[in-house]
């Protein structure tokens, strides 16, 4: 006969809440659906991240996270429209484009990645959420090319 007791001992610390804000901020995310078209689906996805309560459960009224340490600031949410430097535009204009090559390629043969100017394409515009995370708008970008750079 075997009898066991499966309860945590009183010396065990309470379980930790797993969330992405334990690590350095900001967290970087992207969405690649076009919000410029009249698609209600893509607009609703964009608003899921940019409108309150934003990404995750941090800004929900019933959040278990410490409000002093993990604050939410809806006043500082904004959209940042990036402009592309002339040097990057010139480098992009010199690429012989194909379906898989949309920007200058990086060189990974010297034990580390070295990328020329314009690699990855132009800078992406982004939203700053109330959790201070960054949501890149990558509609019109080659996602795999952007990731590598």
Foldseek 3Di string as FASTA:
>chain_A
DDDDDPDDDPPDDDDDDDDPVVDDDDAEAEDADDPVDPDPVVVVVVCCQAPPPHPDCLSPPPDPDDCVVQPFDNVPKDKFADDFDPVLVVQQVPDPDDPPDRGFDWDPPPVHTHGDRNFQHGDFIWIQHRSRYIYTHNHVGPVVRNVVD
